[in-house]
């Protein structure tokens, strides 16, 4: 899809009216993504819970408050995505071990499920394979590694995944979480980072 979007020209008065809130209690609605990252410890982890804490490292989480949206923010959920950040993006090994094998174990081998919980009300569990990636590298690779050997590049599917289409809303100051559960701990080439993100409409104070 090309960049840009159809638009209609507005006069100065219309622009001023749209850009200026009618009162201090007015809210704006923006497309937003809230995300959190947890460590999957190889051969040890069977469950992870996301969005429970804030993090000073904003590349790992952008939660403003632990386990809730602060007042007066509310969030309409659309897409939920899951990214796997393996120890090595591209893996070379004389065995089947590698980033592709790690992704298979985390998405299929361990039969993971996800559950969204809002104020103690659970949505799920559902298969985690419905949670596709937010994005990732695409390319081609060439190698002349010795035989036997393998070259692996593995990421989660990058097609359209789970979408609540805004029908599930997290109200302000209401606790929520998303949890992943595996049937058994999976042995990977190394510890991996699992990033879960929810994209949708954030309603917040204008000023």
N, C-alpha and C. Protein backbone atom coordinates (compact mmCIF):
# COMPACT_ATOMS: atom_id res chain seq x y z
N UNK A 1 0.85 -1.19 0.00
CA UNK A 1 0.00 0.00 0.00
C UNK A 1 0.88 1.24 0.00
N UNK A 2 0.57 2.19 -0.86
CA UNK A 2 1.36 3.40 -0.96
C UNK A 2 1.14 4.31 0.25
N UNK A 3 2.11 5.18 0.50
CA UNK A 3 1.96 6.15 1.58
C UNK A 3 0.96 7.22 1.19
N UNK A 4 0.41 7.89 2.19
CA UNK A 4 -0.56 8.94 1.94
C UNK A 4 -1.98 8.44 2.14
N UNK A 5 -2.92 9.38 2.15
CA UNK A 5 -4.33 9.02 2.34
C UNK A 5 -5.19 10.08 1.67
N UNK A 6 -6.38 9.72 1.19
CA UNK A 6 -7.27 10.73 0.62
C UNK A 6 -7.62 11.79 1.67
N UNK A 7 -7.69 13.04 1.25
CA UNK A 7 -8.02 14.11 2.20
C UNK A 7 -8.86 15.17 1.52
N UNK A 8 -9.53 15.94 2.37
CA UNK A 8 -10.35 17.05 1.90
C UNK A 8 -9.84 18.33 2.51
N UNK A 9 -9.66 19.35 1.68
CA UNK A 9 -9.15 20.63 2.17
C UNK A 9 -10.14 21.27 3.14
N UNK A 10 -9.60 21.89 4.22
CA UNK A 10 -10.42 22.58 5.21
C UNK A 10 -10.06 24.06 5.21
N UNK A 11 -11.05 24.90 5.52
CA UNK A 11 -10.74 26.32 5.63
C UNK A 11 -10.12 26.60 7.00
N UNK A 12 -9.67 27.81 7.21
CA UNK A 12 -8.96 28.16 8.44
C UNK A 12 -9.82 27.99 9.67
N UNK A 13 -11.11 28.36 9.58
CA UNK A 13 -12.01 28.24 10.73
C UNK A 13 -12.23 26.78 11.10
N UNK A 14 -12.36 25.92 10.12
CA UNK A 14 -12.55 24.49 10.39
C UNK A 14 -11.31 23.89 11.05
N UNK A 15 -10.15 24.29 10.59
CA UNK A 15 -8.90 23.79 11.18
C UNK A 15 -8.78 24.25 12.62
N UNK A 16 -9.08 25.52 12.88
CA UNK A 16 -8.99 26.05 14.24
C UNK A 16 -9.96 25.35 15.17
N UNK A 17 -11.18 25.07 14.68
CA UNK A 17 -12.17 24.39 15.50
C UNK A 17 -11.74 22.96 15.83
N UNK A 18 -11.16 22.27 14.86
CA UNK A 18 -10.73 20.89 15.07
C UNK A 18 -9.51 20.80 15.97
N UNK A 19 -8.63 21.84 15.92
CA UNK A 19 -7.39 21.81 16.68
C UNK A 19 -7.52 22.33 18.10
N UNK A 20 -8.62 23.04 18.41
CA UNK A 20 -8.78 23.66 19.71
C UNK A 20 -9.88 22.96 20.50
N UNK A 21 -9.57 22.44 21.68
CA UNK A 21 -10.60 21.76 22.47
C UNK A 21 -11.66 22.74 22.97
N UNK A 22 -12.93 22.34 22.96
CA UNK A 22 -13.99 23.24 23.44
C UNK A 22 -13.94 23.47 24.94
N UNK A 23 -13.33 22.53 25.70
CA UNK A 23 -13.21 22.71 27.14
C UNK A 23 -12.04 21.89 27.64
N UNK A 24 -11.64 22.13 28.88
CA UNK A 24 -10.51 21.41 29.46
C UNK A 24 -10.80 19.95 29.72
N UNK A 25 -12.08 19.54 29.67
CA UNK A 25 -12.44 18.16 29.90
C UNK A 25 -12.54 17.35 28.62
N UNK A 26 -12.29 18.00 27.48
CA UNK A 26 -12.39 17.31 26.20
C UNK A 26 -11.25 16.30 26.05
N UNK A 27 -11.51 15.26 25.27
CA UNK A 27 -10.49 14.25 25.01
C UNK A 27 -10.17 14.19 23.53
N UNK A 28 -8.96 13.70 23.26
CA UNK A 28 -8.58 13.41 21.90
C UNK A 28 -8.46 11.90 21.74
N UNK A 29 -8.63 11.41 20.53
CA UNK A 29 -8.50 9.99 20.24
C UNK A 29 -7.39 9.82 19.21
N UNK A 30 -6.38 9.03 19.55
CA UNK A 30 -5.24 8.81 18.66
C UNK A 30 -4.98 7.32 18.51
N UNK A 31 -4.41 6.93 17.37
CA UNK A 31 -3.97 5.55 17.21
C UNK A 31 -2.71 5.37 18.06
N UNK A 32 -2.68 4.30 18.82
CA UNK A 32 -1.62 4.14 19.82
C UNK A 32 -1.26 2.66 19.94
N UNK A 33 -0.04 2.40 20.35
CA UNK A 33 0.40 1.04 20.65
C UNK A 33 1.02 1.01 22.03
N UNK A 34 0.54 0.13 22.88
CA UNK A 34 1.13 -0.08 24.20
C UNK A 34 1.80 -1.45 24.16
N UNK A 35 3.05 -1.52 24.63
CA UNK A 35 3.78 -2.78 24.52
C UNK A 35 4.58 -3.06 25.78
N UNK A 36 4.91 -4.34 25.97
CA UNK A 36 5.71 -4.78 27.10
C UNK A 36 6.53 -5.98 26.67
N UNK A 37 7.72 -6.13 27.26
CA UNK A 37 8.65 -7.19 26.88
C UNK A 37 9.08 -7.97 28.11
N UNK A 38 9.05 -9.29 28.00
CA UNK A 38 9.47 -10.16 29.08
C UNK A 38 10.50 -11.16 28.57
N UNK A 39 11.33 -11.66 29.46
CA UNK A 39 12.37 -12.62 29.09
C UNK A 39 11.87 -14.05 29.21
N UNK A 40 12.03 -14.80 28.13
CA UNK A 40 11.77 -16.24 28.17
C UNK A 40 13.09 -16.93 28.47
N UNK A 41 13.20 -17.55 29.64
CA UNK A 41 14.43 -18.22 30.04
C UNK A 41 14.41 -19.65 29.51
N UNK A 42 15.40 -19.96 28.69
CA UNK A 42 15.47 -21.27 28.07
C UNK A 42 15.42 -22.40 29.10
N UNK A 43 14.61 -23.41 28.81
CA UNK A 43 14.47 -24.62 29.63
C UNK A 43 13.90 -24.36 31.02
N UNK A 44 13.31 -23.17 31.23
CA UNK A 44 12.79 -22.86 32.57
C UNK A 44 11.40 -22.23 32.55
N UNK A 45 11.11 -21.37 31.58
CA UNK A 45 9.87 -20.60 31.60
C UNK A 45 8.68 -21.42 31.09
N UNK A 46 7.58 -21.37 31.82
CA UNK A 46 6.33 -21.98 31.36
C UNK A 46 5.20 -20.95 31.28
N UNK A 47 5.43 -19.75 31.78
CA UNK A 47 4.40 -18.71 31.73
C UNK A 47 5.00 -17.33 31.87
N UNK A 48 4.40 -16.35 31.19
CA UNK A 48 4.82 -14.95 31.28
C UNK A 48 3.58 -14.07 31.38
N UNK A 49 3.68 -13.00 32.15
CA UNK A 49 2.58 -12.05 32.28
C UNK A 49 3.09 -10.66 31.90
N UNK A 50 2.32 -9.97 31.08
CA UNK A 50 2.74 -8.69 30.51
C UNK A 50 1.90 -7.54 31.04
N UNK A 51 2.45 -6.33 30.94
CA UNK A 51 1.80 -5.07 31.29
C UNK A 51 1.61 -4.88 32.80
N UNK A 52 2.40 -5.55 33.61
CA UNK A 52 2.22 -5.45 35.05
C UNK A 52 3.09 -4.37 35.71
N UNK A 53 4.12 -3.90 35.01
CA UNK A 53 5.04 -2.94 35.60
C UNK A 53 5.48 -1.92 34.55
N UNK A 54 5.94 -0.78 35.03
CA UNK A 54 6.59 0.19 34.16
C UNK A 54 8.06 -0.20 34.01
N UNK A 55 8.74 0.40 33.05
CA UNK A 55 10.13 0.06 32.79
C UNK A 55 10.86 1.32 32.36
N UNK A 56 12.01 1.58 32.98
CA UNK A 56 12.81 2.74 32.60
C UNK A 56 13.36 2.63 31.19
N UNK A 57 13.51 1.39 30.70
CA UNK A 57 13.98 1.16 29.34
C UNK A 57 12.77 1.20 28.41
N UNK A 58 12.58 2.30 27.72
CA UNK A 58 11.39 2.49 26.89
C UNK A 58 11.46 1.71 25.59
N UNK A 59 12.58 1.01 25.31
CA UNK A 59 12.60 0.09 24.18
C UNK A 59 11.98 -1.25 24.55
N UNK A 60 11.74 -1.48 25.84
CA UNK A 60 11.16 -2.73 26.31
C UNK A 60 9.69 -2.57 26.69
N UNK A 61 9.29 -1.39 27.15
CA UNK A 61 7.90 -1.17 27.54
C UNK A 61 7.60 0.32 27.55
N UNK A 62 6.38 0.69 27.18
CA UNK A 62 5.98 2.10 27.24
C UNK A 62 4.80 2.31 28.17
N UNK A 63 4.62 1.40 29.14
CA UNK A 63 3.55 1.54 30.12
C UNK A 63 3.78 2.79 30.97
N UNK A 64 2.74 3.63 31.10
CA UNK A 64 2.84 4.83 31.94
C UNK A 64 2.53 4.52 33.40
N UNK A 65 1.70 3.53 33.64
CA UNK A 65 1.35 3.11 35.00
C UNK A 65 1.29 1.59 35.02
N UNK A 66 1.59 1.00 36.16
CA UNK A 66 1.62 -0.45 36.28
C UNK A 66 0.21 -1.03 36.18
N UNK A 67 0.00 -1.93 35.22
CA UNK A 67 -1.22 -2.74 35.10
C UNK A 67 -2.49 -1.95 34.84
N UNK A 68 -2.38 -0.69 34.39
CA UNK A 68 -3.59 0.09 34.12
C UNK A 68 -3.25 1.30 33.27
N UNK A 69 -4.29 1.92 32.72
CA UNK A 69 -4.15 3.21 32.06
C UNK A 69 -4.54 4.30 33.06
N UNK A 70 -3.67 5.30 33.25
CA UNK A 70 -3.98 6.34 34.24
C UNK A 70 -5.17 7.18 33.80
N UNK A 71 -5.85 7.79 34.76
CA UNK A 71 -6.97 8.68 34.48
C UNK A 71 -6.47 9.93 33.77
N UNK A 72 -7.15 10.41 32.71
CA UNK A 72 -8.44 9.95 32.19
C UNK A 72 -8.28 9.14 30.89
N UNK A 73 -7.33 8.23 30.83
CA UNK A 73 -7.10 7.48 29.61
C UNK A 73 -7.91 6.18 29.56
N UNK A 74 -8.42 5.85 28.39
CA UNK A 74 -9.04 4.55 28.15
C UNK A 74 -8.54 4.07 26.79
N UNK A 75 -8.64 2.76 26.56
CA UNK A 75 -8.01 2.18 25.38
C UNK A 75 -8.94 1.18 24.71
N UNK A 76 -9.21 1.39 23.42
CA UNK A 76 -10.00 0.46 22.61
C UNK A 76 -9.04 -0.46 21.86
N UNK A 77 -9.10 -1.76 22.17
CA UNK A 77 -8.14 -2.70 21.60
C UNK A 77 -8.53 -3.10 20.18
N UNK A 78 -7.58 -3.04 19.28
CA UNK A 78 -7.73 -3.61 17.95
C UNK A 78 -6.76 -4.79 17.82
N UNK A 79 -5.58 -4.58 17.28
CA UNK A 79 -4.64 -5.68 17.07
C UNK A 79 -3.85 -6.03 18.32
N UNK A 80 -3.57 -7.32 18.48
CA UNK A 80 -2.61 -7.79 19.49
C UNK A 80 -1.52 -8.55 18.74
N UNK A 81 -0.27 -8.18 18.94
CA UNK A 81 0.84 -8.80 18.22
C UNK A 81 1.86 -9.38 19.19
N UNK A 82 2.65 -10.31 18.68
CA UNK A 82 3.68 -10.98 19.48
C UNK A 82 4.95 -11.07 18.65
N UNK A 83 6.03 -10.50 19.16
CA UNK A 83 7.33 -10.55 18.50
C UNK A 83 8.30 -11.40 19.31
N UNK A 84 9.09 -12.22 18.61
CA UNK A 84 10.11 -13.05 19.25
C UNK A 84 11.47 -12.48 18.90
N UNK A 85 12.20 -12.07 19.92
CA UNK A 85 13.54 -11.51 19.73
C UNK A 85 14.52 -12.54 20.26
N UNK A 86 15.08 -13.35 19.36
CA UNK A 86 15.95 -14.45 19.77
C UNK A 86 17.35 -13.96 20.08
N UNK A 87 18.13 -14.85 20.70
CA UNK A 87 19.50 -14.50 21.09
C UNK A 87 20.33 -14.10 19.88
N UNK A 88 20.10 -14.78 18.74
CA UNK A 88 20.80 -14.46 17.50
C UNK A 88 19.78 -14.36 16.39
N UNK A 89 19.77 -13.23 15.67
CA UNK A 89 18.82 -13.07 14.59
C UNK A 89 19.00 -14.09 13.49
N UNK A 90 20.26 -14.32 13.10
CA UNK A 90 20.62 -15.35 12.13
C UNK A 90 21.51 -16.35 12.84
N UNK A 91 21.17 -17.63 12.74
CA UNK A 91 21.90 -18.66 13.48
C UNK A 91 22.60 -19.62 12.53
N UNK A 92 23.82 -19.99 12.88
CA UNK A 92 24.55 -21.03 12.15
C UNK A 92 24.91 -22.12 13.14
N UNK A 93 24.61 -23.35 12.77
CA UNK A 93 24.89 -24.46 13.67
C UNK A 93 24.98 -25.75 12.87
N UNK A 94 25.63 -26.75 13.46
CA UNK A 94 25.74 -28.06 12.82
C UNK A 94 24.55 -28.94 13.19
N UNK A 95 23.59 -28.39 13.94
CA UNK A 95 22.39 -29.12 14.34
C UNK A 95 21.17 -28.35 13.89
N UNK A 96 20.01 -28.76 14.32
CA UNK A 96 18.77 -28.06 13.98
C UNK A 96 18.56 -26.81 14.82
N UNK A 97 19.40 -26.61 15.83
CA UNK A 97 19.23 -25.47 16.72
C UNK A 97 19.42 -24.16 15.96
N UNK A 98 18.61 -23.16 16.31
CA UNK A 98 18.74 -21.86 15.68
C UNK A 98 17.50 -21.03 15.88
N UNK A 99 17.49 -19.86 15.27
CA UNK A 99 16.38 -18.92 15.49
C UNK A 99 15.05 -19.44 14.94
N UNK A 100 15.09 -20.17 13.81
CA UNK A 100 13.86 -20.73 13.27
C UNK A 100 13.31 -21.82 14.18
N UNK A 101 14.20 -22.67 14.68
CA UNK A 101 13.78 -23.72 15.61
C UNK A 101 13.26 -23.10 16.91
N UNK A 102 13.90 -22.03 17.38
CA UNK A 102 13.42 -21.35 18.59
C UNK A 102 12.01 -20.82 18.38
N UNK A 103 11.76 -20.18 17.22
CA UNK A 103 10.44 -19.62 16.94
C UNK A 103 9.39 -20.74 16.88
N UNK A 104 9.74 -21.88 16.28
CA UNK A 104 8.80 -22.99 16.22
C UNK A 104 8.46 -23.48 17.62
N UNK A 105 9.47 -23.65 18.47
CA UNK A 105 9.23 -24.12 19.83
C UNK A 105 8.35 -23.15 20.62
N UNK A 106 8.59 -21.85 20.45
CA UNK A 106 7.84 -20.85 21.22
C UNK A 106 6.41 -20.68 20.71
N UNK A 107 6.16 -20.97 19.43
CA UNK A 107 4.84 -20.75 18.85
C UNK A 107 4.01 -22.03 18.69
N UNK A 108 4.68 -23.16 18.47
CA UNK A 108 3.97 -24.41 18.21
C UNK A 108 4.37 -25.55 19.13
N UNK A 109 5.67 -25.76 19.29
CA UNK A 109 6.15 -26.91 20.04
C UNK A 109 5.65 -26.95 21.47
N UNK A 110 5.58 -25.80 22.10
CA UNK A 110 5.12 -25.72 23.48
C UNK A 110 3.63 -25.48 23.62
N UNK A 111 2.89 -25.50 22.50
CA UNK A 111 1.45 -25.30 22.48
C UNK A 111 1.01 -24.10 23.35
N UNK A 112 1.60 -22.94 23.13
CA UNK A 112 1.28 -21.79 24.00
C UNK A 112 -0.13 -21.25 23.76
N UNK A 113 -0.70 -20.70 24.81
CA UNK A 113 -1.98 -20.01 24.74
C UNK A 113 -1.83 -18.62 25.34
N UNK A 114 -2.74 -17.71 24.96
CA UNK A 114 -2.73 -16.39 25.56
C UNK A 114 -4.09 -16.09 26.16
N UNK A 115 -4.08 -15.32 27.24
CA UNK A 115 -5.31 -14.90 27.92
C UNK A 115 -5.22 -13.42 28.25
N UNK A 116 -6.20 -12.67 27.80
CA UNK A 116 -6.32 -11.25 28.16
C UNK A 116 -7.25 -11.15 29.35
N UNK A 117 -6.82 -10.45 30.40
CA UNK A 117 -7.64 -10.30 31.60
C UNK A 117 -7.84 -8.82 31.89
N UNK A 118 -9.10 -8.42 32.03
CA UNK A 118 -9.45 -7.03 32.36
C UNK A 118 -10.34 -7.06 33.59
N UNK A 119 -9.86 -6.50 34.69
CA UNK A 119 -10.61 -6.45 35.94
C UNK A 119 -11.12 -7.85 36.32
N UNK A 120 -10.21 -8.82 36.31
CA UNK A 120 -10.49 -10.22 36.70
C UNK A 120 -11.39 -10.95 35.71
N UNK A 121 -11.77 -10.32 34.59
CA UNK A 121 -12.58 -10.98 33.56
C UNK A 121 -11.65 -11.46 32.47
N UNK A 122 -11.66 -12.78 32.20
CA UNK A 122 -10.71 -13.38 31.26
C UNK A 122 -11.31 -13.50 29.86
N UNK A 123 -10.49 -13.20 28.86
CA UNK A 123 -10.79 -13.46 27.46
C UNK A 123 -9.76 -14.49 26.99
N UNK A 124 -10.19 -15.73 26.83
CA UNK A 124 -9.27 -16.80 26.49
C UNK A 124 -9.39 -17.91 27.51
N UNK A 125 -8.47 -18.90 27.44
CA UNK A 125 -7.25 -18.91 26.62
C UNK A 125 -7.51 -19.26 25.15
N UNK A 126 -6.64 -18.70 24.27
CA UNK A 126 -6.67 -18.96 22.85
C UNK A 126 -5.26 -19.33 22.38
N UNK A 127 -5.13 -20.05 21.26
CA UNK A 127 -3.79 -20.39 20.76
C UNK A 127 -2.97 -19.14 20.45
N UNK A 128 -1.73 -19.13 20.89
CA UNK A 128 -0.87 -17.97 20.68
C UNK A 128 -0.48 -17.79 19.23
N UNK A 129 -0.68 -18.80 18.39
CA UNK A 129 -0.37 -18.66 16.97
C UNK A 129 -1.26 -17.63 16.28
N UNK A 130 -2.38 -17.24 16.93
CA UNK A 130 -3.21 -16.18 16.37
C UNK A 130 -2.56 -14.81 16.54
N UNK A 131 -1.55 -14.70 17.38
CA UNK A 131 -0.85 -13.43 17.60
C UNK A 131 0.33 -13.36 16.64
N UNK A 132 0.19 -12.57 15.60
CA UNK A 132 1.24 -12.47 14.60
C UNK A 132 2.21 -11.34 14.95
N UNK A 133 3.28 -11.25 14.18
CA UNK A 133 4.32 -10.27 14.46
C UNK A 133 3.90 -8.87 14.04
N UNK A 134 4.48 -7.87 14.70
CA UNK A 134 4.25 -6.49 14.29
C UNK A 134 5.06 -6.14 13.05
N UNK A 135 6.11 -6.90 12.80
CA UNK A 135 6.99 -6.66 11.65
C UNK A 135 8.29 -7.40 11.86
N UNK A 136 9.20 -7.23 10.94
CA UNK A 136 10.49 -7.91 11.07
C UNK A 136 11.26 -7.84 9.77
N UNK A 137 12.52 -8.28 9.81
CA UNK A 137 13.34 -8.21 8.60
C UNK A 137 12.90 -9.23 7.55
N UNK A 138 13.04 -8.82 6.30
CA UNK A 138 12.81 -9.72 5.18
C UNK A 138 14.00 -9.62 4.25
N UNK A 139 14.51 -10.75 3.78
CA UNK A 139 15.68 -10.70 2.91
C UNK A 139 16.07 -12.08 2.46
N UNK A 140 17.23 -12.18 1.83
CA UNK A 140 17.77 -13.46 1.39
C UNK A 140 19.15 -13.62 1.96
N UNK A 141 19.55 -14.87 2.15
CA UNK A 141 20.83 -15.17 2.78
C UNK A 141 21.61 -16.14 1.93
N UNK A 142 22.93 -16.02 1.95
CA UNK A 142 23.80 -16.97 1.27
C UNK A 142 24.95 -17.33 2.19
N UNK A 143 25.42 -18.56 2.08
CA UNK A 143 26.48 -19.00 2.98
C UNK A 143 27.31 -20.11 2.35
N UNK A 144 28.49 -20.27 2.88
CA UNK A 144 29.36 -21.36 2.46
C UNK A 144 29.90 -22.05 3.70
N UNK A 145 29.05 -22.21 4.72
CA UNK A 145 29.49 -22.86 5.95
C UNK A 145 29.75 -24.33 5.69
N UNK A 146 30.64 -24.89 6.52
CA UNK A 146 31.05 -26.28 6.32
C UNK A 146 29.88 -27.24 6.51
N UNK A 147 29.96 -28.38 5.84
CA UNK A 147 28.95 -29.43 5.98
C UNK A 147 29.37 -30.40 7.08
N UNK A 148 28.49 -30.85 7.99
CA UNK A 148 27.09 -30.44 8.01
C UNK A 148 26.92 -29.10 8.70
N UNK A 149 25.92 -28.37 8.32
CA UNK A 149 25.67 -27.07 8.94
C UNK A 149 24.32 -26.56 8.52
N UNK A 150 23.87 -25.48 9.15
CA UNK A 150 22.59 -24.90 8.80
C UNK A 150 22.65 -23.39 9.00
N UNK A 151 21.79 -22.70 8.29
CA UNK A 151 21.67 -21.26 8.41
C UNK A 151 20.20 -20.96 8.61
N UNK A 152 19.85 -20.32 9.73
CA UNK A 152 18.45 -20.13 10.07
C UNK A 152 18.12 -18.67 10.32
N UNK A 153 16.99 -18.24 9.79
CA UNK A 153 16.41 -16.93 10.09
C UNK A 153 14.94 -17.18 10.37
N UNK A 154 14.50 -16.98 11.61
CA UNK A 154 13.13 -17.28 11.97
C UNK A 154 12.45 -16.13 12.69
N UNK A 155 11.26 -15.76 12.23
CA UNK A 155 10.44 -14.74 12.88
C UNK A 155 8.99 -15.23 12.89
N UNK A 156 8.16 -14.57 13.65
CA UNK A 156 6.74 -14.88 13.69
C UNK A 156 6.08 -14.44 12.38
N UNK A 157 4.93 -15.01 12.06
CA UNK A 157 4.20 -14.64 10.85
C UNK A 157 3.89 -13.15 10.85
N UNK A 158 3.97 -12.51 9.68
CA UNK A 158 3.78 -11.07 9.58
C UNK A 158 2.51 -10.70 8.82
N UNK A 159 1.52 -11.59 8.86
CA UNK A 159 0.24 -11.29 8.24
C UNK A 159 -0.75 -10.81 9.30
N UNK A 160 -1.95 -10.45 8.88
CA UNK A 160 -2.94 -9.97 9.83
C UNK A 160 -3.29 -11.03 10.87
N UNK A 161 -3.31 -10.66 12.12
CA UNK A 161 -3.58 -11.61 13.19
C UNK A 161 -4.81 -11.23 13.98
N UNK A 162 -4.73 -11.41 15.30
CA UNK A 162 -5.88 -11.21 16.18
C UNK A 162 -6.30 -9.74 16.19
N UNK A 163 -7.61 -9.48 16.08
CA UNK A 163 -8.11 -8.12 16.09
C UNK A 163 -9.48 -8.07 16.75
N UNK A 164 -9.58 -7.30 17.84
CA UNK A 164 -10.87 -7.11 18.51
C UNK A 164 -11.70 -6.01 17.87
N UNK A 165 -11.12 -5.30 16.89
CA UNK A 165 -11.85 -4.26 16.15
C UNK A 165 -12.45 -3.20 17.08
N UNK A 166 -11.80 -2.94 18.19
CA UNK A 166 -12.24 -1.89 19.11
C UNK A 166 -13.40 -2.27 20.00
N UNK A 167 -13.84 -3.53 19.95
CA UNK A 167 -15.02 -3.92 20.74
C UNK A 167 -14.68 -4.22 22.20
N UNK A 168 -13.40 -4.41 22.50
CA UNK A 168 -12.98 -4.59 23.88
C UNK A 168 -12.29 -3.30 24.33
N UNK A 169 -12.76 -2.72 25.43
CA UNK A 169 -12.25 -1.44 25.91
C UNK A 169 -11.69 -1.62 27.32
N UNK A 170 -10.51 -1.07 27.54
CA UNK A 170 -9.93 -1.04 28.89
C UNK A 170 -10.22 0.35 29.48
N UNK A 171 -11.10 0.45 30.47
CA UNK A 171 -11.40 1.75 31.06
C UNK A 171 -10.22 2.30 31.86
N UNK A 172 -10.32 3.57 32.22
CA UNK A 172 -9.26 4.19 33.00
C UNK A 172 -9.15 3.56 34.39
N UNK A 173 -7.93 3.40 34.86
CA UNK A 173 -7.61 2.90 36.20
C UNK A 173 -8.25 1.55 36.50
N UNK A 174 -8.36 0.70 35.48
CA UNK A 174 -8.85 -0.66 35.66
C UNK A 174 -7.71 -1.61 35.33
N UNK A 175 -7.46 -2.57 36.20
CA UNK A 175 -6.33 -3.47 36.03
C UNK A 175 -6.51 -4.37 34.82
N UNK A 176 -5.41 -4.64 34.13
CA UNK A 176 -5.44 -5.56 33.00
C UNK A 176 -4.08 -6.24 32.86
N UNK A 177 -4.07 -7.36 32.16
CA UNK A 177 -2.83 -8.08 31.88
C UNK A 177 -3.06 -8.98 30.69
N UNK A 178 -1.97 -9.44 30.11
CA UNK A 178 -2.02 -10.48 29.09
C UNK A 178 -0.98 -11.52 29.46
N UNK A 179 -1.40 -12.77 29.52
CA UNK A 179 -0.49 -13.84 29.94
C UNK A 179 -0.32 -14.86 28.83
N UNK A 180 0.86 -15.46 28.79
CA UNK A 180 1.18 -16.56 27.89
C UNK A 180 1.51 -17.78 28.73
N UNK A 181 1.02 -18.94 28.31
CA UNK A 181 1.30 -20.18 29.04
C UNK A 181 1.71 -21.26 28.05
N UNK A 182 2.81 -21.96 28.38
CA UNK A 182 3.30 -23.06 27.56
C UNK A 182 3.03 -24.39 28.27
N UNK A 183 2.89 -25.47 27.50
CA UNK A 183 2.64 -26.79 28.08
C UNK A 183 3.83 -27.29 28.86
N UNK A 184 5.03 -26.85 28.47
CA UNK A 184 6.27 -27.24 29.15
C UNK A 184 7.34 -26.23 28.77
N UNK A 185 8.37 -26.14 29.58
CA UNK A 185 9.48 -25.23 29.29
C UNK A 185 10.18 -25.68 28.01
N UNK A 186 10.52 -24.72 27.15
CA UNK A 186 11.15 -25.01 25.87
C UNK A 186 12.65 -24.69 25.92
N UNK A 187 13.45 -25.60 25.42
CA UNK A 187 14.90 -25.41 25.38
C UNK A 187 15.27 -24.72 24.07
N UNK A 188 15.82 -23.52 24.18
CA UNK A 188 16.18 -22.70 23.04
C UNK A 188 17.69 -22.61 22.91
N UNK A 189 18.17 -21.92 21.88
CA UNK A 189 19.61 -21.69 21.73
C UNK A 189 20.12 -20.69 22.77
N UNK A 190 19.19 -19.95 23.38
CA UNK A 190 19.52 -18.98 24.42
C UNK A 190 18.24 -18.32 24.88
N UNK A 191 18.32 -17.53 25.92
CA UNK A 191 17.12 -16.82 26.37
C UNK A 191 16.61 -15.90 25.27
N UNK A 192 15.30 -15.73 25.20
CA UNK A 192 14.69 -14.88 24.18
C UNK A 192 13.83 -13.82 24.84
N UNK A 193 13.64 -12.72 24.14
CA UNK A 193 12.72 -11.67 24.58
C UNK A 193 11.40 -11.85 23.83
N UNK A 194 10.30 -11.82 24.57
CA UNK A 194 8.97 -11.89 23.98
C UNK A 194 8.31 -10.52 24.18
N UNK A 195 7.93 -9.91 23.07
CA UNK A 195 7.29 -8.58 23.13
C UNK A 195 5.84 -8.70 22.69
N UNK A 196 4.94 -8.30 23.57
CA UNK A 196 3.51 -8.29 23.25
C UNK A 196 3.07 -6.83 23.14
N UNK A 197 2.32 -6.53 22.09
CA UNK A 197 1.85 -5.16 21.87
C UNK A 197 0.36 -5.17 21.56
N UNK A 198 -0.33 -4.16 22.03
CA UNK A 198 -1.74 -3.96 21.71
C UNK A 198 -1.86 -2.61 21.00
N UNK A 199 -2.42 -2.63 19.80
CA UNK A 199 -2.62 -1.40 19.04
C UNK A 199 -4.11 -1.08 18.99
N UNK A 200 -4.43 0.19 19.07
CA UNK A 200 -5.83 0.59 19.05
C UNK A 200 -5.98 2.08 19.25
N UNK A 201 -7.12 2.49 19.78
CA UNK A 201 -7.43 3.92 19.94
C UNK A 201 -7.29 4.30 21.41
N UNK A 202 -6.39 5.22 21.69
CA UNK A 202 -6.20 5.76 23.04
C UNK A 202 -6.97 7.05 23.16
N UNK A 203 -7.85 7.10 24.15
CA UNK A 203 -8.59 8.33 24.46
C UNK A 203 -7.92 9.00 25.66
N UNK A 204 -7.51 10.25 25.49
CA UNK A 204 -6.77 10.93 26.56
C UNK A 204 -7.08 12.42 26.56
N UNK A 205 -6.66 13.08 27.63
CA UNK A 205 -6.87 14.52 27.77
C UNK A 205 -6.15 15.27 26.66
N UNK A 206 -6.78 16.29 26.12
CA UNK A 206 -6.19 17.07 25.04
C UNK A 206 -5.02 17.89 25.54
N UNK A 207 -5.17 18.54 26.70
CA UNK A 207 -4.11 19.42 27.23
C UNK A 207 -3.67 18.94 28.59
